[in-house]
Amino acid sequence: MSYGAALITPLTPGGYFAARRAARQLSAVELAERIDCLPHIGVHDRAAWLRLIEADVMPASWSTIAALSEHLALDLDLLAALDAARLGSDAAAPAHCHTCGITPRQLQEAPAWPSEILCPGCKA
């Protein structure tokens, strides 16, 4: 089963969604099976829609972000910073793993890795 390629860095909101999905070892179809939408569309159409969001072809709505956050453990501060960068902001994104997208505050213990580009789990 393909979960998506490991990313060098989730530079975009869509790349962040893809990195978090891959970190959870979910295919687009598996994630689509876990979320519902209105109006209801089939699982394969939902998976195609998720792939468009991950490719930054289609922006995610707030309700989509909320639904994805339930399953992908998103850091909304990081997502907001990535979206601001997409819109031209020069502000730095919060520290995050450049493979799975997790942030230090999402870890139970806060090891000193923010200056690194990989979290302890991806480094191992």
PDB file of N, CA and C in Angstrom:
ATOM      1  N   MET A   1       0.847  -1.176   0.000  1.00  0.00           N
ATOM      2  CA  MET A   1       0.000   0.000   0.000  1.00  0.00           C
ATOM      3  C   MET A   1       0.888   1.234   0.000  1.00  0.00           C
ATOM      4  N   SER A   2       0.572   2.176  -0.845  1.00  0.00           N
ATOM      5  CA  SER A   2       1.362   3.398  -0.945  1.00  0.00           C
ATOM      6  C   SER A   2       0.752   4.472  -0.064  1.00  0.00           C
ATOM      7  N   TYR A   3       1.575   5.077   0.781  1.00  0.00           N
ATOM      8  CA  TYR A   3       1.112   6.131   1.669  1.00  0.00           C
ATOM      9  C   TYR A   3       1.551   7.500   1.184  1.00  0.00           C
ATOM     10  N   GLY A   4       2.299   7.572   0.126  1.00  0.00           N
ATOM     11  CA  GLY A   4       2.822   8.832  -0.366  1.00  0.00           C
ATOM     12  C   GLY A   4       4.310   8.906  -0.103  1.00  0.00           C
ATOM     13  N   ALA A   5       4.988   9.622  -0.939  1.00  0.00           N
ATOM     14  CA  ALA A   5       6.440   9.740  -0.809  1.00  0.00           C
ATOM     15  C   ALA A   5       6.786  10.611   0.389  1.00  0.00           C
ATOM     16  N   ALA A   6       7.887  10.298   1.033  1.00  0.00           N
ATOM     17  CA  ALA A   6       8.372  11.145   2.118  1.00  0.00           C
ATOM     18  C   ALA A   6       8.768  12.486   1.530  1.00  0.00           C
ATOM     19  N   LEU A   7       8.406  13.527   2.204  1.00  0.00           N
ATOM     20  CA  LEU A   7       8.674  14.871   1.715  1.00  0.00           C
ATOM     21  C   LEU A   7       9.963  15.404   2.312  1.00  0.00           C
ATOM     22  N   ILE A   8      10.648  16.229   1.556  1.00  0.00           N
ATOM     23  CA  ILE A   8      11.818  16.910   2.106  1.00  0.00           C
ATOM     24  C   ILE A   8      11.337  17.955   3.103  1.00  0.00           C
ATOM     25  N   THR A   9      10.317  18.683   2.753  1.00  0.00           N
ATOM     26  CA  THR A   9       9.698  19.643   3.669  1.00  0.00           C
ATOM     27  C   THR A   9       8.281  19.932   3.210  1.00  0.00           C
ATOM     28  N   PRO A  10       7.337  19.965   4.134  1.00  0.00           N
ATOM     29  CA  PRO A  10       5.974  20.326   3.744  1.00  0.00           C
ATOM     30  C   PRO A  10       5.870  21.843   3.592  1.00  0.00           C
ATOM     31  N   LEU A  11       6.205  22.342   2.421  1.00  0.00           N
ATOM     32  CA  LEU A  11       6.253  23.785   2.196  1.00  0.00           C
ATOM     33  C   LEU A  11       4.895  24.410   1.967  1.00  0.00           C
ATOM     34  N   THR A  12       3.903  23.617   1.659  1.00  0.00           N
ATOM     35  CA  THR A  12       2.580  24.131   1.341  1.00  0.00           C
ATOM     36  C   THR A  12       1.556  23.479   2.253  1.00  0.00           C
ATOM     37  N   PRO A  13       0.367  24.070   2.360  1.00  0.00           N
ATOM     38  CA  PRO A  13      -0.673  23.407   3.141  1.00  0.00           C
ATOM     39  C   PRO A  13      -0.968  21.991   2.621  1.00  0.00           C
ATOM     40  N   GLY A  14      -1.058  21.823   1.320  1.00  0.00           N
ATOM     41  CA  GLY A  14      -1.319  20.499   0.759  1.00  0.00           C
ATOM     42  C   GLY A  14      -0.205  19.515   1.060  1.00  0.00           C
ATOM     43  N   GLY A  15       1.040  19.968   0.974  1.00  0.00           N
ATOM     44  CA  GLY A  15       2.171  19.116   1.314  1.00  0.00           C
ATOM     45  C   GLY A  15       2.144  18.700   2.772  1.00  0.00           C
ATOM     46  N   TYR A  16       1.678  19.599   3.624  1.00  0.00           N
ATOM     47  CA  TYR A  16       1.546  19.279   5.051  1.00  0.00           C
ATOM     48  C   TYR A  16       0.502  18.188   5.260  1.00  0.00           C
ATOM     49  N   PHE A  17      -0.655  18.322   4.598  1.00  0.00           N
ATOM     50  CA  PHE A  17      -1.681  17.276   4.708  1.00  0.00           C
ATOM     51  C   PHE A  17      -1.122  15.934   4.240  1.00  0.00           C
ATOM     52  N   ALA A  18      -0.404  15.936   3.120  1.00  0.00           N
ATOM     53  CA  ALA A  18       0.164  14.698   2.576  1.00  0.00           C
ATOM     54  C   ALA A  18       1.188  14.095   3.540  1.00  0.00           C
ATOM     55  N   ALA A  19       2.021  14.939   4.145  1.00  0.00           N
ATOM     56  CA  ALA A  19       3.031  14.447   5.088  1.00  0.00           C
ATOM     57  C   ALA A  19       2.378  13.833   6.322  1.00  0.00           C
ATOM     58  N   ARG A  20       1.347  14.470   6.839  1.00  0.00           N
ATOM     59  CA  ARG A  20       0.666  13.937   8.023  1.00  0.00           C
ATOM     60  C   ARG A  20      -0.074  12.641   7.688  1.00  0.00           C
ATOM     61  N   ARG A  21      -0.657  12.555   6.494  1.00  0.00           N
ATOM     62  CA  ARG A  21      -1.338  11.321   6.087  1.00  0.00           C
ATOM     63  C   ARG A  21      -0.327  10.188   5.969  1.00  0.00           C
ATOM     64  N   ALA A  22       0.815  10.470   5.349  1.00  0.00           N
ATOM     65  CA  ALA A  22       1.862   9.450   5.208  1.00  0.00           C
ATOM     66  C   ALA A  22       2.389   9.027   6.581  1.00  0.00           C
ATOM     67  N   ALA A  23       2.528   9.976   7.494  1.00  0.00           N
ATOM     68  CA  ALA A  23       3.006   9.654   8.841  1.00  0.00           C
ATOM     69  C   ALA A  23       2.031   8.735   9.567  1.00  0.00           C
ATOM     70  N   ARG A  24       0.761   8.858   9.267  1.00  0.00           N
ATOM     71  CA  ARG A  24      -0.262   7.994   9.874  1.00  0.00           C
ATOM     72  C   ARG A  24      -0.415   6.679   9.114  1.00  0.00           C
ATOM     73  N   GLN A  25       0.384   6.526   8.054  1.00  0.00           N
ATOM     74  CA  GLN A  25       0.379   5.330   7.208  1.00  0.00           C
ATOM     75  C   GLN A  25      -1.015   5.042   6.658  1.00  0.00           C
ATOM     76  N   LEU A  26      -1.629   6.102   6.128  1.00  0.00           N
ATOM     77  CA  LEU A  26      -2.945   5.988   5.508  1.00  0.00           C
ATOM     78  C   LEU A  26      -2.840   6.302   4.028  1.00  0.00           C
ATOM     79  N   SER A  27      -3.472   5.511   3.205  1.00  0.00           N
ATOM     80  CA  SER A  27      -3.590   5.871   1.793  1.00  0.00           C
ATOM     81  C   SER A  27      -4.696   6.921   1.692  1.00  0.00           C
ATOM     82  N   ALA A  28      -4.788   7.571   0.559  1.00  0.00           N
ATOM     83  CA  ALA A  28      -5.853   8.555   0.358  1.00  0.00           C
ATOM     84  C   ALA A  28      -7.224   7.890   0.475  1.00  0.00           C
ATOM     85  N   VAL A  29      -7.343   6.669  -0.028  1.00  0.00           N
ATOM     86  CA  VAL A  29      -8.622   5.948   0.060  1.00  0.00           C
ATOM     87  C   VAL A  29      -8.947   5.627   1.519  1.00  0.00           C
ATOM     88  N   GLU A  30      -7.956   5.170   2.288  1.00  0.00           N
ATOM     89  CA  GLU A  30      -8.193   4.858   3.696  1.00  0.00           C
ATOM     90  C   GLU A  30      -8.629   6.090   4.481  1.00  0.00           C
ATOM     91  N   LEU A  31      -7.999   7.234   4.210  1.00  0.00           N
ATOM     92  CA  LEU A  31      -8.411   8.467   4.875  1.00  0.00           C
ATOM     93  C   LEU A  31      -9.807   8.862   4.421  1.00  0.00           C
ATOM     94  N   ALA A  32     -10.086   8.742   3.152  1.00  0.00           N
ATOM     95  CA  ALA A  32     -11.412   9.088   2.617  1.00  0.00           C
ATOM     96  C   ALA A  32     -12.507   8.241   3.262  1.00  0.00           C
ATOM     97  N   GLU A  33     -12.187   6.996   3.587  1.00  0.00           N
ATOM     98  CA  GLU A  33     -13.164   6.121   4.246  1.00  0.00           C
ATOM     99  C   GLU A  33     -13.484   6.602   5.653  1.00  0.00           C
ATOM    100  N   ARG A  34     -12.570   7.327   6.255  1.00  0.00           N
ATOM    101  CA  ARG A  34     -12.746   7.769   7.646  1.00  0.00           C
ATOM    102  C   ARG A  34     -13.456   9.105   7.769  1.00  0.00           C
ATOM    103  N   ILE A  35     -13.524   9.865   6.697  1.00  0.00           N
ATOM    104  CA  ILE A  35     -14.186  11.171   6.778  1.00  0.00           C
ATOM    105  C   ILE A  35     -15.467  11.141   5.951  1.00  0.00           C
ATOM    106  N   ASP A  36     -16.425  11.914   6.378  1.00  0.00           N
ATOM    107  CA  ASP A  36     -17.677  12.022   5.645  1.00  0.00           C
ATOM    108  C   ASP A  36     -17.787  13.445   5.130  1.00  0.00           C
ATOM    109  N   CYS A  37     -18.597  13.621   4.147  1.00  0.00           N
ATOM    110  CA  CYS A  37     -18.780  14.971   3.621  1.00  0.00           C
ATOM    111  C   CYS A  37     -20.220  15.132   3.159  1.00  0.00           C
ATOM    112  N   LEU A  38     -20.642  16.355   3.116  1.00  0.00           N
ATOM    113  CA  LEU A  38     -21.965  16.695   2.611  1.00  0.00           C
ATOM    114  C   LEU A  38     -21.790  17.657   1.450  1.00  0.00           C
ATOM    115  N   PRO A  39     -22.375  17.437   0.311  1.00  0.00           N
ATOM    116  CA  PRO A  39     -23.180  16.249   0.012  1.00  0.00           C
ATOM    117  C   PRO A  39     -22.301  15.011  -0.043  1.00  0.00           C
ATOM    118  N   HIS A  40     -22.906  13.865   0.241  1.00  0.00           N
ATOM    119  CA  HIS A  40     -22.162  12.610   0.284  1.00  0.00           C
ATOM    120  C   HIS A  40     -21.657  12.244  -1.109  1.00  0.00           C
ATOM    121  N   ILE A  41     -20.378  11.933  -1.191  1.00  0.00           N
ATOM    122  CA  ILE A  41     -19.806  11.423  -2.442  1.00  0.00           C
ATOM    123  C   ILE A  41     -19.077  10.124  -2.121  1.00  0.00           C
ATOM    124  N   GLY A  42     -18.864   9.304  -3.116  1.00  0.00           N
ATOM    125  CA  GLY A  42     -18.225   8.011  -2.924  1.00  0.00           C
ATOM    126  C   GLY A  42     -16.793   8.124  -2.440  1.00  0.00           C
ATOM    127  N   VAL A  43     -16.302   7.038  -1.893  1.00  0.00           N
ATOM    128  CA  VAL A  43     -14.964   7.004  -1.299  1.00  0.00           C
ATOM    129  C   VAL A  43     -13.886   7.346  -2.328  1.00  0.00           C
ATOM    130  N   HIS A  44     -13.968   6.795  -3.519  1.00  0.00           N
ATOM    131  CA  HIS A  44     -12.916   7.045  -4.508  1.00  0.00           C
ATOM    132  C   HIS A  44     -12.947   8.498  -4.996  1.00  0.00           C
ATOM    133  N   ASP A  45     -14.135   9.086  -5.077  1.00  0.00           N
ATOM    134  CA  ASP A  45     -14.217  10.507  -5.423  1.00  0.00           C
ATOM    135  C   ASP A  45     -13.666  11.367  -4.293  1.00  0.00           C
ATOM    136  N   ARG A  46     -13.926  10.966  -3.037  1.00  0.00           N
ATOM    137  CA  ARG A  46     -13.359  11.686  -1.890  1.00  0.00           C
ATOM    138  C   ARG A  46     -11.842  11.581  -1.874  1.00  0.00           C
ATOM    139  N   ALA A  47     -11.311  10.396  -2.205  1.00  0.00           N
ATOM    140  CA  ALA A  47      -9.857  10.215  -2.255  1.00  0.00           C
ATOM    141  C   ALA A  47      -9.252  11.103  -3.344  1.00  0.00           C
ATOM    142  N   ALA A  48      -9.905  11.193  -4.492  1.00  0.00           N
ATOM    143  CA  ALA A  48      -9.415  12.063  -5.574  1.00  0.00           C
ATOM    144  C   ALA A  48      -9.441  13.518  -5.118  1.00  0.00           C
ATOM    145  N   TRP A  49     -10.470  13.906  -4.402  1.00  0.00           N
ATOM    146  CA  TRP A  49     -10.599  15.266  -3.876  1.00  0.00           C
ATOM    147  C   TRP A  49      -9.477  15.542  -2.869  1.00  0.00           C
ATOM    148  N   LEU A  50      -9.163  14.555  -1.994  1.00  0.00           N
ATOM    149  CA  LEU A  50      -8.055  14.722  -1.047  1.00  0.00           C
ATOM    150  C   LEU A  50      -6.730  14.891  -1.779  1.00  0.00           C
ATOM    151  N   ARG A  51      -6.529  14.134  -2.845  1.00  0.00           N
ATOM    152  CA  ARG A  51      -5.280  14.260  -3.621  1.00  0.00           C
ATOM    153  C   ARG A  51      -5.161  15.649  -4.253  1.00  0.00           C
ATOM    154  N   LEU A  52      -6.283  16.225  -4.680  1.00  0.00           N
ATOM    155  CA  LEU A  52      -6.258  17.587  -5.228  1.00  0.00           C
ATOM    156  C   LEU A  52      -5.870  18.596  -4.153  1.00  0.00           C
ATOM    157  N   ILE A  53      -6.374  18.396  -2.943  1.00  0.00           N
ATOM    158  CA  ILE A  53      -6.011  19.275  -1.824  1.00  0.00           C
ATOM    159  C   ILE A  53      -4.523  19.127  -1.511  1.00  0.00           C
ATOM    160  N   GLU A  54      -4.035  17.885  -1.467  1.00  0.00           N
ATOM    161  CA  GLU A  54      -2.625  17.639  -1.168  1.00  0.00           C
ATOM    162  C   GLU A  54      -1.697  18.191  -2.241  1.00  0.00           C
ATOM    163  N   ALA A  55      -2.185  18.290  -3.471  1.00  0.00           N
ATOM    164  CA  ALA A  55      -1.387  18.845  -4.569  1.00  0.00           C
ATOM    165  C   ALA A  55      -1.544  20.362  -4.658  1.00  0.00           C
ATOM    166  N   ASP A  56      -2.274  20.946  -3.736  1.00  0.00           N
ATOM    167  CA  ASP A  56      -2.546  22.391  -3.711  1.00  0.00           C
ATOM    168  C   ASP A  56      -3.280  22.866  -4.952  1.00  0.00           C
ATOM    169  N   VAL A  57      -4.023  21.978  -5.578  1.00  0.00           N
ATOM    170  CA  VAL A  57      -4.854  22.349  -6.722  1.00  0.00           C
ATOM    171  C   VAL A  57      -6.170  22.928  -6.218  1.00  0.00           C
ATOM    172  N   MET A  58      -6.645  22.390  -5.104  1.00  0.00           N
ATOM    173  CA  MET A  58      -7.899  22.833  -4.495  1.00  0.00           C
ATOM    174  C   MET A  58      -7.619  23.188  -3.043  1.00  0.00           C
ATOM    175  N   PRO A  59      -8.040  24.364  -2.593  1.00  0.00           N
ATOM    176  CA  PRO A  59      -7.812  24.697  -1.184  1.00  0.00           C
ATOM    177  C   PRO A  59      -8.771  23.915  -0.283  1.00  0.00           C
ATOM    178  N   ALA A  60      -8.340  23.655   0.930  1.00  0.00           N
ATOM    179  CA  ALA A  60      -9.188  22.978   1.907  1.00  0.00           C
ATOM    180  C   ALA A  60     -10.054  24.005   2.623  1.00  0.00           C
ATOM    181  N   SER A  61     -11.335  23.707   2.756  1.00  0.00           N
ATOM    182  CA  SER A  61     -12.239  24.577   3.513  1.00  0.00           C
ATOM    183  C   SER A  61     -12.021  24.346   5.007  1.00  0.00           C
ATOM    184  N   TRP A  62     -12.568  25.234   5.824  1.00  0.00           N
ATOM    185  CA  TRP A  62     -12.430  25.074   7.268  1.00  0.00           C
ATOM    186  C   TRP A  62     -13.032  23.750   7.722  1.00  0.00           C
ATOM    187  N   SER A  63     -14.191  23.364   7.184  1.00  0.00           N
ATOM    188  CA  SER A  63     -14.808  22.099   7.599  1.00  0.00           C
ATOM    189  C   SER A  63     -13.947  20.910   7.178  1.00  0.00           C
ATOM    190  N   THR A  64     -13.273  21.012   6.042  1.00  0.00           N
ATOM    191  CA  THR A  64     -12.369  19.946   5.605  1.00  0.00           C
ATOM    192  C   THR A  64     -11.168  19.867   6.529  1.00  0.00           C
ATOM    193  N   ILE A  65     -10.609  21.012   6.885  1.00  0.00           N
ATOM    194  CA  ILE A  65      -9.466  21.040   7.806  1.00  0.00           C
ATOM    195  C   ILE A  65      -9.867  20.424   9.144  1.00  0.00           C
ATOM    196  N   ALA A  66     -11.055  20.748   9.636  1.00  0.00           N
ATOM    197  CA  ALA A  66     -11.521  20.183  10.904  1.00  0.00           C
ATOM    198  C   ALA A  66     -11.655  18.664  10.801  1.00  0.00           C
ATOM    199  N   ALA A  67     -12.220  18.180   9.697  1.00  0.00           N
ATOM    200  CA  ALA A  67     -12.386  16.735   9.510  1.00  0.00           C
ATOM    201  C   ALA A  67     -11.029  16.038   9.401  1.00  0.00           C
ATOM    202  N   LEU A  68     -10.106  16.632   8.646  1.00  0.00           N
ATOM    203  CA  LEU A  68      -8.778  16.036   8.500  1.00  0.00           C
ATOM    204  C   LEU A  68      -8.015  16.056   9.824  1.00  0.00           C
ATOM    205  N   SER A  69      -8.199  17.112  10.593  1.00  0.00           N
ATOM    206  CA  SER A  69      -7.488  17.246  11.862  1.00  0.00           C
ATOM    207  C   SER A  69      -7.859  16.133  12.841  1.00  0.00           C
ATOM    208  N   GLU A  70      -9.077  15.650  12.759  1.00  0.00           N
ATOM    209  CA  GLU A  70      -9.504  14.545  13.634  1.00  0.00           C
ATOM    210  C   GLU A  70      -8.678  13.287  13.383  1.00  0.00           C
ATOM    211  N   HIS A  71      -8.186  13.113  12.169  1.00  0.00           N
ATOM    212  CA  HIS A  71      -7.487  11.883  11.798  1.00  0.00           C
ATOM    213  C   HIS A  71      -5.996  12.063  11.564  1.00  0.00           C
ATOM    214  N   LEU A  72      -5.539  13.306  11.370  1.00  0.00           N
ATOM    215  CA  LEU A  72      -4.145  13.529  11.014  1.00  0.00           C
ATOM    216  C   LEU A  72      -3.340  14.271  12.068  1.00  0.00           C
ATOM    217  N   ALA A  73      -3.942  14.633  13.181  1.00  0.00           N
ATOM    218  CA  ALA A  73      -3.245  15.376  14.237  1.00  0.00           C
ATOM    219  C   ALA A  73      -2.512  16.589  13.661  1.00  0.00           C
ATOM    220  N   LEU A  74      -3.272  17.494  13.083  1.00  0.00           N
ATOM    221  CA  LEU A  74      -2.696  18.689  12.473  1.00  0.00           C
ATOM    222  C   LEU A  74      -2.346  19.727  13.529  1.00  0.00           C
ATOM    223  N   ASP A  75      -1.292  20.479  13.286  1.00  0.00           N
ATOM    224  CA  ASP A  75      -0.949  21.645  14.100  1.00  0.00           C
ATOM    225  C   ASP A  75      -1.477  22.845  13.330  1.00  0.00           C
ATOM    226  N   LEU A  76      -2.529  23.458  13.840  1.00  0.00           N
ATOM    227  CA  LEU A  76      -3.180  24.541  13.105  1.00  0.00           C
ATOM    228  C   LEU A  76      -2.310  25.784  12.994  1.00  0.00           C
ATOM    229  N   ASP A  77      -1.410  26.007  13.962  1.00  0.00           N
ATOM    230  CA  ASP A  77      -0.481  27.142  13.854  1.00  0.00           C
ATOM    231  C   ASP A  77       0.469  26.940  12.673  1.00  0.00           C
ATOM    232  N   LEU A  78       0.974  25.719  12.531  1.00  0.00           N
ATOM    233  CA  LEU A  78       1.857  25.429  11.403  1.00  0.00           C
ATOM    234  C   LEU A  78       1.080  25.542  10.092  1.00  0.00           C
ATOM    235  N   LEU A  79      -0.128  25.008  10.055  1.00  0.00           N
ATOM    236  CA  LEU A  79      -0.946  25.086   8.843  1.00  0.00           C
ATOM    237  C   LEU A  79      -1.204  26.539   8.456  1.00  0.00           C
ATOM    238  N   ALA A  80      -1.516  27.380   9.440  1.00  0.00           N
ATOM    239  CA  ALA A  80      -1.743  28.805   9.169  1.00  0.00           C
ATOM    240  C   ALA A  80      -0.479  29.473   8.638  1.00  0.00           C
ATOM    241  N   ALA A  81       0.679  29.128   9.196  1.00  0.00           N
ATOM    242  CA  ALA A  81       1.945  29.706   8.735  1.00  0.00           C
ATOM    243  C   ALA A  81       2.262  29.262   7.304  1.00  0.00           C
ATOM    244  N   LEU A  82       1.995  27.992   6.995  1.00  0.00           N
ATOM    245  CA  LEU A  82       2.232  27.510   5.631  1.00  0.00           C
ATOM    246  C   LEU A  82       1.301  28.195   4.639  1.00  0.00           C
ATOM    247  N   ASP A  83       0.060  28.442   5.056  1.00  0.00           N
ATOM    248  CA  ASP A  83      -0.877  29.144   4.182  1.00  0.00           C
ATOM    249  C   ASP A  83      -0.457  30.600   4.007  1.00  0.00           C
ATOM    250  N   ALA A  84       0.026  31.223   5.080  1.00  0.00           N
ATOM    251  CA  ALA A  84       0.509  32.607   4.976  1.00  0.00           C
ATOM    252  C   ALA A  84       1.703  32.682   4.026  1.00  0.00           C
ATOM    253  N   ALA A  85       2.593  31.686   4.101  1.00  0.00           N
ATOM    254  CA  ALA A  85       3.743  31.651   3.189  1.00  0.00           C
ATOM    255  C   ALA A  85       3.276  31.495   1.748  1.00  0.00           C
ATOM    256  N   ARG A  86       2.240  30.687   1.554  1.00  0.00           N
ATOM    257  CA  ARG A  86       1.681  30.510   0.209  1.00  0.00           C
ATOM    258  C   ARG A  86       1.165  31.838  -0.337  1.00  0.00           C
ATOM    259  N   LEU A  87       0.674  32.686   0.566  1.00  0.00           N
ATOM    260  CA  LEU A  87       0.133  33.986   0.168  1.00  0.00           C
ATOM    261  C   LEU A  87       1.207  35.074   0.111  1.00  0.00           C
ATOM    262  N   GLY A  88       2.477  34.714   0.388  1.00  0.00           N
ATOM    263  CA  GLY A  88       3.570  35.664   0.235  1.00  0.00           C
ATOM    264  C   GLY A  88       4.206  36.162   1.508  1.00  0.00           C
ATOM    265  N   SER A  89       3.804  35.677   2.666  1.00  0.00           N
ATOM    266  CA  SER A  89       4.396  36.116   3.928  1.00  0.00           C
ATOM    267  C   SER A  89       5.834  35.615   4.030  1.00  0.00           C
ATOM    268  N   ASP A  90       6.697  36.426   4.617  1.00  0.00           N
ATOM    269  CA  ASP A  90       8.087  36.044   4.845  1.00  0.00           C
ATOM    270  C   ASP A  90       8.298  35.461   6.240  1.00  0.00           C
ATOM    271  N   ALA A  91       7.253  35.401   7.053  1.00  0.00           N
ATOM    272  CA  ALA A  91       7.382  34.901   8.418  1.00  0.00           C
ATOM    273  C   ALA A  91       7.784  33.429   8.392  1.00  0.00           C
ATOM    274  N   ALA A  92       8.635  33.050   9.315  1.00  0.00           N
ATOM    275  CA  ALA A  92       9.102  31.665   9.391  1.00  0.00           C
ATOM    276  C   ALA A  92       8.004  30.776   9.958  1.00  0.00           C
ATOM    277  N   ALA A  93       7.904  29.573   9.426  1.00  0.00           N
ATOM    278  CA  ALA A  93       6.958  28.590   9.953  1.00  0.00           C
ATOM    279  C   ALA A  93       7.483  28.059  11.280  1.00  0.00           C
ATOM    280  N   PRO A  94       6.598  27.650  12.172  1.00  0.00           N
ATOM    281  CA  PRO A  94       7.065  27.035  13.421  1.00  0.00           C
ATOM    282  C   PRO A  94       7.932  25.810  13.138  1.00  0.00           C
ATOM    283  N   ALA A  95       8.765  25.449  14.080  1.00  0.00           N
ATOM    284  CA  ALA A  95       9.609  24.261  13.935  1.00  0.00           C
ATOM    285  C   ALA A  95       8.721  23.051  13.661  1.00  0.00           C
ATOM    286  N   HIS A  96       9.159  22.232  12.729  1.00  0.00           N
ATOM    287  CA  HIS A  96       8.410  21.026  12.381  1.00  0.00           C
ATOM    288  C   HIS A  96       9.343  20.036  11.710  1.00  0.00           C
ATOM    289  N   CYS A  97       8.969  18.765  11.801  1.00  0.00           N
ATOM    290  CA  CYS A  97       9.743  17.719  11.144  1.00  0.00           C
ATOM    291  C   CYS A  97       9.540  17.848   9.639  1.00  0.00           C
ATOM    292  N   HIS A  98      10.611  17.803   8.889  1.00  0.00           N
ATOM    293  CA  HIS A  98      10.523  17.992   7.445  1.00  0.00           C
ATOM    294  C   HIS A  98      10.117  16.727   6.704  1.00  0.00           C
ATOM    295  N   THR A  99       9.871  15.652   7.437  1.00  0.00           N
ATOM    296  CA  THR A  99       9.368  14.428   6.819  1.00  0.00           C
ATOM    297  C   THR A  99       7.905  14.192   7.164  1.00  0.00           C
ATOM    298  N   CYS A 100       7.573  14.199   8.465  1.00  0.00           N
ATOM    299  CA  CYS A 100       6.202  13.860   8.868  1.00  0.00           C
ATOM    300  C   CYS A 100       5.363  15.069   9.236  1.00  0.00           C
ATOM    301  N   GLY A 101       5.972  16.239   9.407  1.00  0.00           N
ATOM    302  CA  GLY A 101       5.223  17.457   9.690  1.00  0.00           C
ATOM    303  C   GLY A 101       4.859  17.673  11.150  1.00  0.00           C
ATOM    304  N   ILE A 102       5.245  16.769  12.039  1.00  0.00           N
ATOM    305  CA  ILE A 102       4.901  16.948  13.451  1.00  0.00           C
ATOM    306  C   ILE A 102       5.699  18.110  14.032  1.00  0.00           C
ATOM    307  N   THR A 103       5.107  18.791  15.001  1.00  0.00           N
ATOM    308  CA  THR A 103       5.785  19.907  15.664  1.00  0.00           C
ATOM    309  C   THR A 103       6.193  19.490  17.071  1.00  0.00           C
ATOM    310  N   PRO A 104       7.191  20.160  17.660  1.00  0.00           N
ATOM    311  CA  PRO A 104       7.645  19.781  19.002  1.00  0.00           C
ATOM    312  C   PRO A 104       6.525  19.741  20.034  1.00  0.00           C
ATOM    313  N   ARG A 105       5.594  20.681  19.965  1.00  0.00           N
ATOM    314  CA  ARG A 105       4.539  20.697  20.990  1.00  0.00           C
ATOM    315  C   ARG A 105       3.545  19.556  20.839  1.00  0.00           C
ATOM    316  N   GLN A 106       3.549  18.881  19.685  1.00  0.00           N
ATOM    317  CA  GLN A 106       2.663  17.741  19.509  1.00  0.00           C
ATOM    318  C   GLN A 106       3.214  16.474  20.149  1.00  0.00           C
ATOM    319  N   LEU A 107       4.488  16.476  20.484  1.00  0.00           N
ATOM    320  CA  LEU A 107       5.092  15.317  21.133  1.00  0.00           C
ATOM    321  C   LEU A 107       4.817  15.378  22.628  1.00  0.00           C
ATOM    322  N   GLN A 108       4.610  14.233  23.260  1.00  0.00           N
ATOM    323  CA  GLN A 108       4.372  14.197  24.704  1.00  0.00           C
ATOM    324  C   GLN A 108       5.553  14.784  25.457  1.00  0.00           C
ATOM    325  N   GLU A 109       6.744  14.374  25.079  1.00  0.00           N
ATOM    326  CA  GLU A 109       7.945  14.942  25.661  1.00  0.00           C
ATOM    327  C   GLU A 109       8.511  15.906  24.623  1.00  0.00           C
ATOM    328  N   ALA A 110       9.083  16.964  25.050  1.00  0.00           N
ATOM    329  CA  ALA A 110       9.585  17.963  24.121  1.00  0.00           C
ATOM    330  C   ALA A 110      11.103  17.888  24.034  1.00  0.00           C
ATOM    331  N   PRO A 111      11.640  16.904  23.305  1.00  0.00           N
ATOM    332  CA  PRO A 111      13.096  16.828  23.186  1.00  0.00           C
ATOM    333  C   PRO A 111      13.637  18.035  22.420  1.00  0.00           C
ATOM    334  N   ALA A 112      14.895  18.279  22.558  1.00  0.00           N
ATOM    335  CA  ALA A 112      15.507  19.441  21.911  1.00  0.00           C
ATOM    336  C   ALA A 112      15.803  19.130  20.453  1.00  0.00           C
ATOM    337  N   TRP A 113      14.788  19.141  19.604  1.00  0.00           N
ATOM    338  CA  TRP A 113      15.012  18.908  18.186  1.00  0.00           C
ATOM    339  C   TRP A 113      14.570  20.045  17.282  1.00  0.00           C
ATOM    340  N   PRO A 114      14.031  21.160  17.791  1.00  0.00           N
ATOM    341  CA  PRO A 114      13.579  22.199  16.869  1.00  0.00           C
ATOM    342  C   PRO A 114      14.634  22.738  15.910  1.00  0.00           C
ATOM    343  N   SER A 115      15.920  22.661  16.278  1.00  0.00           N
ATOM    344  CA  SER A 115      16.939  23.143  15.352  1.00  0.00           C
ATOM    345  C   SER A 115      17.254  22.086  14.289  1.00  0.00           C
ATOM    346  N   GLU A 116      16.803  20.874  14.508  1.00  0.00           N
ATOM    347  CA  GLU A 116      17.005  19.787  13.556  1.00  0.00           C
ATOM    348  C   GLU A 116      15.881  19.829  12.520  1.00  0.00           C
ATOM    349  N   ILE A 117      16.026  19.071  11.454  1.00  0.00           N
ATOM    350  CA  ILE A 117      14.960  19.031  10.467  1.00  0.00           C
ATOM    351  C   ILE A 117      14.110  17.767  10.581  1.00  0.00           C
ATOM    352  N   LEU A 118      14.511  16.832  11.456  1.00  0.00           N
ATOM    353  CA  LEU A 118      13.755  15.598  11.629  1.00  0.00           C
ATOM    354  C   LEU A 118      13.399  15.400  13.104  1.00  0.00           C
ATOM    355  N   CYS A 119      12.192  14.910  13.343  1.00  0.00           N
ATOM    356  CA  CYS A 119      11.788  14.584  14.714  1.00  0.00           C
ATOM    357  C   CYS A 119      12.494  13.297  15.136  1.00  0.00           C
ATOM    358  N   PRO A 120      12.453  12.970  16.416  1.00  0.00           N
ATOM    359  CA  PRO A 120      13.108  11.736  16.868  1.00  0.00           C
ATOM    360  C   PRO A 120      12.591  10.477  16.161  1.00  0.00           C
ATOM    361  N   GLY A 121      11.301  10.416  15.871  1.00  0.00           N
ATOM    362  CA  GLY A 121      10.739   9.248  15.208  1.00  0.00           C
ATOM    363  C   GLY A 121      11.247   9.064  13.792  1.00  0.00           C
ATOM    364  N   CYS A 122      11.389  10.147  13.043  1.00  0.00           N
ATOM    365  CA  CYS A 122      11.862  10.063  11.659  1.00  0.00           C
ATOM    366  C   CYS A 122      13.372   9.923  11.598  1.00  0.00           C
ATOM    367  N   LYS A 123      14.059  10.371  12.656  1.00  0.00           N
ATOM    368  CA  LYS A 123      15.518  10.256  12.705  1.00  0.00           C
ATOM    369  C   LYS A 123      15.946   8.813  12.922  1.00  0.00           C
ATOM    370  N   ALA A 124      15.120   8.073  13.657  1.00  0.00           N
ATOM    371  CA  ALA A 124      15.471   6.689  14.037  1.00  0.00           C
ATOM    372  C   ALA A 124      15.478   5.761  12.850  1.00  0.00           C
TER     373      ALA A 124
END
